[in-house]
């Protein structure tokens, strides 16, 4: 019994002092915010658009579509963080460089893309004016892909079919940043409201008709 207690005490002492085999800590690697996004097995148009965004839009508009924020610029190497300095993208850029706007807007999140009524308007702007450093350089497919990506990330597009000229005008951005599920709920509620009003008006019409019939019956019996 004493030997058993001795071994137990030694085991406990080893555990508490750390002299036994230490537990290996699980290290969670920090995700590379500048890494190229991978494609799923069955990639959609918007999935391809994520890669177009990474290559042509992310450097200025942010890895999460947040715009060129101070926080995002900290991700870049120190020598590339001061975007508006002379010799970078300031008033005197490097040879063959370009001057960056003072404010680079967010593309994903509340209040974004509000100046574009439909997906067609957004696509037209991207095709003609983006990327800022080489306007109009995206192919037609790339323009639609990045449009689909931005709409999906903002909850405007399911991505079950490809976005193109045939359906882009029907994708309205007037709801603001409302996910599809919420938008569907709103639409259902609107339809339900209309149905309720139709039923109420119908009931009211029946009641009025009933009152008129009763008055007519009373007038007839009185005579």
C-alpha atoms as a PDB file:
ATOM      1  CA  UNK A   1       0.000   0.000   0.000  1.00  0.00           C
ATOM      2  CA  UNK A   2       2.867   2.363   0.911  1.00  0.00           C
ATOM      3  CA  UNK A   3       4.614   1.693  -2.414  1.00  0.00           C
ATOM      4  CA  UNK A   4       1.413   2.447  -4.299  1.00  0.00           C
ATOM      5  CA  UNK A   5       1.022   5.729  -2.461  1.00  0.00           C
ATOM      6  CA  UNK A   6       4.682   6.572  -3.162  1.00  0.00           C
ATOM      7  CA  UNK A   7       4.268   6.024  -6.899  1.00  0.00           C
ATOM      8  CA  UNK A   8       1.066   8.058  -6.850  1.00  0.00           C
ATOM      9  CA  UNK A   9       2.819  10.924  -5.098  1.00  0.00           C
ATOM     10  CA  UNK A  10       5.739  10.828  -7.531  1.00  0.00           C
ATOM     11  CA  UNK A  11       3.335  10.838 -10.526  1.00  0.00           C
ATOM     12  CA  UNK A  12       1.415  13.794  -9.113  1.00  0.00           C
ATOM     13  CA  UNK A  13       4.640  15.689  -8.436  1.00  0.00           C
ATOM     14  CA  UNK A  14       5.844  15.114 -11.991  1.00  0.00           C
ATOM     15  CA  UNK A  15       2.530  16.373 -13.406  1.00  0.00           C
ATOM     16  CA  UNK A  16       2.546  19.531 -11.283  1.00  0.00           C
ATOM     17  CA  UNK A  17       6.234  20.382 -11.792  1.00  0.00           C
ATOM     18  CA  UNK A  18       6.100  19.770 -15.535  1.00  0.00           C
ATOM     19  CA  UNK A  19       8.876  17.140 -15.414  1.00  0.00           C
ATOM     20  CA  UNK A  20       6.677  14.609 -17.208  1.00  0.00           C
ATOM     21  CA  UNK A  21       6.037  14.717 -20.945  1.00  0.00           C
ATOM     22  CA  UNK A  22       4.602  18.210 -21.529  1.00  0.00           C
ATOM     23  CA  UNK A  23       1.409  18.586 -23.493  1.00  0.00           C
ATOM     24  CA  UNK A  24       2.057  19.965 -26.963  1.00  0.00           C
ATOM     25  CA  UNK A  25       0.252  23.283 -27.435  1.00  0.00           C
ATOM     26  CA  UNK A  26      -2.006  23.530 -30.454  1.00  0.00           C
ATOM     27  CA  UNK A  27      -0.771  26.385 -32.632  1.00  0.00           C
ATOM     28  CA  UNK A  28      -3.405  27.940 -34.865  1.00  0.00           C
ATOM     29  CA  UNK A  29      -1.683  29.558 -37.837  1.00  0.00           C
ATOM     30  CA  UNK A  30      -2.595  33.144 -38.589  1.00  0.00           C
ATOM     31  CA  UNK A  31      -4.452  33.266 -41.903  1.00  0.00           C
ATOM     32  CA  UNK A  32      -2.682  35.093 -44.682  1.00  0.00           C
ATOM     33  CA  UNK A  33      -5.024  37.938 -45.520  1.00  0.00           C
ATOM     34  CA  UNK A  34      -3.240  38.530 -48.811  1.00  0.00           C
ATOM     35  CA  UNK A  35      -3.363  34.909 -49.991  1.00  0.00           C
ATOM     36  CA  UNK A  36      -5.172  34.018 -53.189  1.00  0.00           C
ATOM     37  CA  UNK A  37      -8.595  32.478 -52.437  1.00  0.00           C
ATOM     38  CA  UNK A  38      -8.984  28.833 -53.368  1.00  0.00           C
ATOM     39  CA  UNK A  39     -11.802  27.556 -55.553  1.00  0.00           C
ATOM     40  CA  UNK A  40     -14.319  24.985 -54.292  1.00  0.00           C
ATOM     41  CA  UNK A  41     -14.869  21.774 -56.244  1.00  0.00           C
ATOM     42  CA  UNK A  42     -17.903  23.179 -58.044  1.00  0.00           C
ATOM     43  CA  UNK A  43     -16.876  26.800 -58.413  1.00  0.00           C
ATOM     44  CA  UNK A  44     -19.574  29.355 -59.159  1.00  0.00           C
ATOM     45  CA  UNK A  45     -19.256  32.589 -61.091  1.00  0.00           C
ATOM     46  CA  UNK A  46     -18.898  34.463 -57.800  1.00  0.00           C
ATOM     47  CA  UNK A  47     -16.160  32.063 -56.628  1.00  0.00           C
ATOM     48  CA  UNK A  48     -14.136  32.935 -59.722  1.00  0.00           C
ATOM     49  CA  UNK A  49     -14.977  36.552 -59.001  1.00  0.00           C
ATOM     50  CA  UNK A  50     -13.273  36.221 -55.603  1.00  0.00           C
ATOM     51  CA  UNK A  51     -10.024  35.487 -57.432  1.00  0.00           C
ATOM     52  CA  UNK A  52     -10.540  38.403 -59.827  1.00  0.00           C
ATOM     53  CA  UNK A  53     -11.180  40.627 -56.809  1.00  0.00           C
ATOM     54  CA  UNK A  54      -8.004  39.338 -55.119  1.00  0.00           C
ATOM     55  CA  UNK A  55      -5.861  40.151 -58.154  1.00  0.00           C
ATOM     56  CA  UNK A  56      -7.366  43.440 -59.319  1.00  0.00           C
ATOM     57  CA  UNK A  57      -9.366  44.970 -56.453  1.00  0.00           C
ATOM     58  CA  UNK A  58      -8.010  43.805 -53.080  1.00  0.00           C
ATOM     59  CA  UNK A  59      -4.818  45.941 -53.092  1.00  0.00           C
ATOM     60  CA  UNK A  60      -6.909  49.127 -52.899  1.00  0.00           C
ATOM     61  CA  UNK A  61     -10.340  48.023 -51.652  1.00  0.00           C
ATOM     62  CA  UNK A  62      -9.168  45.709 -48.865  1.00  0.00           C
ATOM     63  CA  UNK A  63      -9.191  41.979 -48.222  1.00  0.00           C
ATOM     64  CA  UNK A  64     -12.728  42.190 -46.831  1.00  0.00           C
ATOM     65  CA  UNK A  65     -13.974  44.937 -49.116  1.00  0.00           C
ATOM     66  CA  UNK A  66     -13.483  47.466 -46.299  1.00  0.00           C
ATOM     67  CA  UNK A  67     -11.635  50.006 -48.409  1.00  0.00           C
ATOM     68  CA  UNK A  68      -8.075  51.254 -47.972  1.00  0.00           C
ATOM     69  CA  UNK A  69      -8.239  51.601 -44.206  1.00  0.00           C
ATOM     70  CA  UNK A  70      -5.312  52.242 -41.871  1.00  0.00           C
ATOM     71  CA  UNK A  71      -5.840  48.785 -40.410  1.00  0.00           C
ATOM     72  CA  UNK A  72      -5.643  47.101 -43.802  1.00  0.00           C
ATOM     73  CA  UNK A  73      -2.513  49.015 -44.828  1.00  0.00           C
ATOM     74  CA  UNK A  74      -0.777  47.548 -41.773  1.00  0.00           C
ATOM     75  CA  UNK A  75      -1.014  44.143 -43.477  1.00  0.00           C
ATOM     76  CA  UNK A  76       1.353  45.313 -46.198  1.00  0.00           C
ATOM     77  CA  UNK A  77       5.151  45.368 -45.869  1.00  0.00           C
ATOM     78  CA  UNK A  78       6.342  48.552 -44.071  1.00  0.00           C
ATOM     79  CA  UNK A  79       7.721  50.088 -47.264  1.00  0.00           C
ATOM     80  CA  UNK A  80       4.322  49.803 -48.982  1.00  0.00           C
ATOM     81  CA  UNK A  81       2.075  51.156 -46.222  1.00  0.00           C
ATOM     82  CA  UNK A  82       2.296  54.889 -46.954  1.00  0.00           C
ATOM     83  CA  UNK A  83       0.280  54.815 -50.170  1.00  0.00           C
ATOM     84  CA  UNK A  84       0.011  58.596 -50.585  1.00  0.00           C
ATOM     85  CA  UNK A  85       3.690  59.428 -50.166  1.00  0.00           C
ATOM     86  CA  UNK A  86       5.677  60.841 -53.039  1.00  0.00           C
ATOM     87  CA  UNK A  87       7.326  57.996 -54.896  1.00  0.00           C
ATOM     88  CA  UNK A  88       4.531  55.588 -54.031  1.00  0.00           C
ATOM     89  CA  UNK A  89       1.071  56.687 -55.155  1.00  0.00           C
ATOM     90  CA  UNK A  90       1.215  60.311 -54.050  1.00  0.00           C
ATOM     91  CA  UNK A  91       1.375  63.455 -56.168  1.00  0.00           C
ATOM     92  CA  UNK A  92       4.739  62.407 -57.602  1.00  0.00           C
ATOM     93  CA  UNK A  93       4.380  58.655 -58.144  1.00  0.00           C
ATOM     94  CA  UNK A  94       7.107  56.328 -59.298  1.00  0.00           C
ATOM     95  CA  UNK A  95       7.833  55.975 -63.014  1.00  0.00           C
ATOM     96  CA  UNK A  96       4.782  54.627 -64.844  1.00  0.00           C
ATOM     97  CA  UNK A  97       2.876  54.770 -61.553  1.00  0.00           C
ATOM     98  CA  UNK A  98      -0.424  56.456 -60.737  1.00  0.00           C
ATOM     99  CA  UNK A  99      -1.775  58.837 -58.125  1.00  0.00           C
ATOM    100  CA  UNK A 100      -4.143  57.110 -55.725  1.00  0.00           C
ATOM    101  CA  UNK A 101      -7.381  58.857 -54.653  1.00  0.00           C
ATOM    102  CA  UNK A 102      -7.365  60.147 -51.088  1.00  0.00           C
ATOM    103  CA  UNK A 103     -10.293  57.913 -50.178  1.00  0.00           C
ATOM    104  CA  UNK A 104     -10.768  54.408 -51.573  1.00  0.00           C
ATOM    105  CA  UNK A 105     -14.346  53.331 -50.748  1.00  0.00           C
ATOM    106  CA  UNK A 106     -15.533  50.103 -49.180  1.00  0.00           C
ATOM    107  CA  UNK A 107     -17.288  47.644 -51.488  1.00  0.00           C
ATOM    108  CA  UNK A 108     -18.663  45.169 -48.958  1.00  0.00           C
ATOM    109  CA  UNK A 109     -20.696  46.094 -45.900  1.00  0.00           C
ATOM    110  CA  UNK A 110     -23.541  48.401 -44.816  1.00  0.00           C
ATOM    111  CA  UNK A 111     -24.175  51.312 -47.142  1.00  0.00           C
ATOM    112  CA  UNK A 112     -21.905  50.121 -49.959  1.00  0.00           C
ATOM    113  CA  UNK A 113     -22.792  50.023 -53.689  1.00  0.00           C
ATOM    114  CA  UNK A 114     -25.728  52.359 -53.059  1.00  0.00           C
ATOM    115  CA  UNK A 115     -25.091  54.497 -56.133  1.00  0.00           C
ATOM    116  CA  UNK A 116     -25.802  51.512 -58.400  1.00  0.00           C
ATOM    117  CA  UNK A 117     -29.541  50.826 -58.892  1.00  0.00           C
ATOM    118  CA  UNK A 118     -29.021  47.397 -60.465  1.00  0.00           C
ATOM    119  CA  UNK A 119     -26.358  44.780 -61.093  1.00  0.00           C
ATOM    120  CA  UNK A 120     -26.194  45.984 -64.703  1.00  0.00           C
ATOM    121  CA  UNK A 121     -25.168  49.471 -63.544  1.00  0.00           C
ATOM    122  CA  UNK A 122     -22.499  48.040 -61.259  1.00  0.00           C
ATOM    123  CA  UNK A 123     -21.139  45.823 -64.031  1.00  0.00           C
ATOM    124  CA  UNK A 124     -21.052  48.718 -66.473  1.00  0.00           C
ATOM    125  CA  UNK A 125     -19.029  50.820 -64.049  1.00  0.00           C
ATOM    126  CA  UNK A 126     -16.583  48.005 -63.286  1.00  0.00           C
ATOM    127  CA  UNK A 127     -16.089  47.304 -66.999  1.00  0.00           C
ATOM    128  CA  UNK A 128     -15.374  50.916 -67.868  1.00  0.00           C
ATOM    129  CA  UNK A 129     -13.609  52.350 -64.818  1.00  0.00           C
ATOM    130  CA  UNK A 130     -11.945  49.493 -62.939  1.00  0.00           C
ATOM    131  CA  UNK A 131      -9.365  48.586 -61.927  1.00  0.00           C
ATOM    132  CA  UNK A 132      -8.317  52.159 -61.212  1.00  0.00           C
ATOM    133  CA  UNK A 133      -4.704  51.557 -62.222  1.00  0.00           C
ATOM    134  CA  UNK A 134      -5.646  50.044 -65.611  1.00  0.00           C
ATOM    135  CA  UNK A 135      -9.192  50.972 -66.530  1.00  0.00           C
ATOM    136  CA  UNK A 136     -11.089  48.610 -68.805  1.00  0.00           C
ATOM    137  CA  UNK A 137      -8.463  45.871 -68.598  1.00  0.00           C
ATOM    138  CA  UNK A 138     -10.809  43.189 -67.259  1.00  0.00           C
ATOM    139  CA  UNK A 139     -12.321  40.767 -69.752  1.00  0.00           C
ATOM    140  CA  UNK A 140     -16.097  40.567 -70.076  1.00  0.00           C
ATOM    141  CA  UNK A 141     -16.145  37.323 -68.096  1.00  0.00           C
ATOM    142  CA  UNK A 142     -13.951  38.795 -65.356  1.00  0.00           C
ATOM    143  CA  UNK A 143     -16.208  41.854 -65.080  1.00  0.00           C
ATOM    144  CA  UNK A 144     -19.278  39.676 -64.581  1.00  0.00           C
ATOM    145  CA  UNK A 145     -17.422  37.410 -62.163  1.00  0.00           C
ATOM    146  CA  UNK A 146     -16.304  40.204 -59.867  1.00  0.00           C
ATOM    147  CA  UNK A 147     -19.763  41.787 -60.109  1.00  0.00           C
ATOM    148  CA  UNK A 148     -21.329  38.496 -59.017  1.00  0.00           C
ATOM    149  CA  UNK A 149     -18.808  38.207 -56.178  1.00  0.00           C
ATOM    150  CA  UNK A 150     -19.562  41.673 -54.802  1.00  0.00           C
ATOM    151  CA  UNK A 151     -23.306  41.119 -55.062  1.00  0.00           C
ATOM    152  CA  UNK A 152     -23.049  37.747 -53.318  1.00  0.00           C
ATOM    153  CA  UNK A 153     -20.926  39.152 -50.497  1.00  0.00           C
ATOM    154  CA  UNK A 154     -23.480  41.927 -49.973  1.00  0.00           C
ATOM    155  CA  UNK A 155     -26.429  39.541 -50.080  1.00  0.00           C
ATOM    156  CA  UNK A 156     -27.881  40.692 -53.406  1.00  0.00           C
ATOM    157  CA  UNK A 157     -27.208  37.598 -55.478  1.00  0.00           C
ATOM    158  CA  UNK A 158     -27.541  33.873 -54.820  1.00  0.00           C
ATOM    159  CA  UNK A 159     -25.161  32.808 -57.541  1.00  0.00           C
ATOM    160  CA  UNK A 160     -27.219  29.762 -58.535  1.00  0.00           C
ATOM    161  CA  UNK A 161     -27.043  30.895 -62.169  1.00  0.00           C
ATOM    162  CA  UNK A 162     -24.534  33.120 -63.919  1.00  0.00           C
ATOM    163  CA  UNK A 163     -25.094  36.841 -63.914  1.00  0.00           C
ATOM    164  CA  UNK A 164     -25.192  38.410 -67.384  1.00  0.00           C
ATOM    165  CA  UNK A 165     -26.975  40.920 -69.600  1.00  0.00           C
ATOM    166  CA  UNK A 166     -30.154  38.837 -69.594  1.00  0.00           C
ATOM    167  CA  UNK A 167     -30.777  39.087 -65.844  1.00  0.00           C
ATOM    168  CA  UNK A 168     -28.549  41.849 -64.426  1.00  0.00           C
ATOM    169  CA  UNK A 169     -31.187  44.581 -64.708  1.00  0.00           C
ATOM    170  CA  UNK A 170     -33.608  42.543 -62.614  1.00  0.00           C
ATOM    171  CA  UNK A 171     -31.144  42.382 -59.694  1.00  0.00           C
ATOM    172  CA  UNK A 172     -31.956  45.557 -57.782  1.00  0.00           C
ATOM    173  CA  UNK A 173     -29.683  47.031 -55.144  1.00  0.00           C
ATOM    174  CA  UNK A 174     -32.329  49.342 -53.681  1.00  0.00           C
ATOM    175  CA  UNK A 175     -32.790  47.289 -50.504  1.00  0.00           C
ATOM    176  CA  UNK A 176     -29.413  48.252 -49.131  1.00  0.00           C
ATOM    177  CA  UNK A 177     -27.402  45.585 -47.319  1.00  0.00           C
ATOM    178  CA  UNK A 178     -30.162  43.036 -46.648  1.00  0.00           C
ATOM    179  CA  UNK A 179     -29.429  39.307 -46.974  1.00  0.00           C
ATOM    180  CA  UNK A 180     -31.537  37.274 -49.380  1.00  0.00           C
ATOM    181  CA  UNK A 181     -33.334  35.462 -46.568  1.00  0.00           C
ATOM    182  CA  UNK A 182     -34.343  38.788 -45.020  1.00  0.00           C
ATOM    183  CA  UNK A 183     -35.337  40.210 -48.386  1.00  0.00           C
ATOM    184  CA  UNK A 184     -37.481  37.153 -49.064  1.00  0.00           C
ATOM    185  CA  UNK A 185     -39.090  37.546 -45.637  1.00  0.00           C
ATOM    186  CA  UNK A 186     -39.874  41.190 -46.416  1.00  0.00           C
ATOM    187  CA  UNK A 187     -41.367  40.231 -49.768  1.00  0.00           C
ATOM    188  CA  UNK A 188     -43.456  37.502 -48.130  1.00  0.00           C
ATOM    189  CA  UNK A 189     -44.644  39.946 -45.485  1.00  0.00           C
ATOM    190  CA  UNK A 190     -45.582  42.445 -48.171  1.00  0.00           C
ATOM    191  CA  UNK A 191     -47.555  39.776 -50.012  1.00  0.00           C
ATOM    192  CA  UNK A 192     -49.191  38.697 -46.763  1.00  0.00           C
ATOM    193  CA  UNK A 193     -50.092  42.305 -45.993  1.00  0.00           C
ATOM    194  CA  UNK A 194     -51.737  42.678 -49.383  1.00  0.00           C
ATOM    195  CA  UNK A 195     -53.614  39.410 -48.846  1.00  0.00           C
ATOM    196  CA  UNK A 196     -54.767  40.533 -45.396  1.00  0.00           C
ATOM    197  CA  UNK A 197     -56.031  43.831 -46.806  1.00  0.00           C
ATOM    198  CA  UNK A 198     -57.878  42.012 -49.582  1.00  0.00           C
ATOM    199  CA  UNK A 199     -59.529  39.722 -47.005  1.00  0.00           C
ATOM    200  CA  UNK A 200     -60.449  42.649 -44.733  1.00  0.00           C
ATOM    201  CA  UNK A 201     -61.903  44.621 -47.621  1.00  0.00           C
ATOM    202  CA  UNK A 202     -63.844  41.526 -48.668  1.00  0.00           C
ATOM    203  CA  UNK A 203     -65.222  41.046 -45.156  1.00  0.00           C
ATOM    204  CA  UNK A 204     -66.123  44.733 -44.953  1.00  0.00           C
ATOM    205  CA  UNK A 205     -67.885  44.530 -48.305  1.00  0.00           C
ATOM    206  CA  UNK A 206     -69.858  41.481 -47.126  1.00  0.00           C
ATOM    207  CA  UNK A 207     -70.838  43.268 -43.891  1.00  0.00           C
ATOM    208  CA  UNK A 208     -71.986  46.351 -45.793  1.00  0.00           C
ATOM    209  CA  UNK A 209     -73.940  44.175 -48.206  1.00  0.00           C
ATOM    210  CA  UNK A 210     -75.486  42.329 -45.249  1.00  0.00           C
ATOM    211  CA  UNK A 211     -76.549  45.583 -43.594  1.00  0.00           C
ATOM    212  CA  UNK A 212     -78.095  46.819 -46.832  1.00  0.00           C
ATOM    213  CA  UNK A 213     -80.023  43.546 -47.241  1.00  0.00           C
ATOM    214  CA  UNK A 214     -81.268  43.703 -43.653  1.00  0.00           C
ATOM    215  CA  UNK A 215     -82.434  47.298 -44.103  1.00  0.00           C
ATOM    216  CA  UNK A 216     -84.233  46.326 -47.285  1.00  0.00           C
ATOM    217  CA  UNK A 217     -85.930  43.404 -45.527  1.00  0.00           C
ATOM    218  CA  UNK A 218     -87.020  45.664 -42.640  1.00  0.00           C
ATOM    219  CA  UNK A 219     -88.392  48.280 -44.999  1.00  0.00           C
ATOM    220  CA  UNK A 220     -90.313  45.585 -46.862  1.00  0.00           C
ATOM    221  CA  UNK A 221     -91.851  44.097 -43.687  1.00  0.00           C
ATOM    222  CA  UNK A 222     -92.739  47.583 -42.382  1.00  0.00           C
ATOM    223  CA  UNK A 223     -94.673  48.374 -45.523  1.00  0.00           C
END
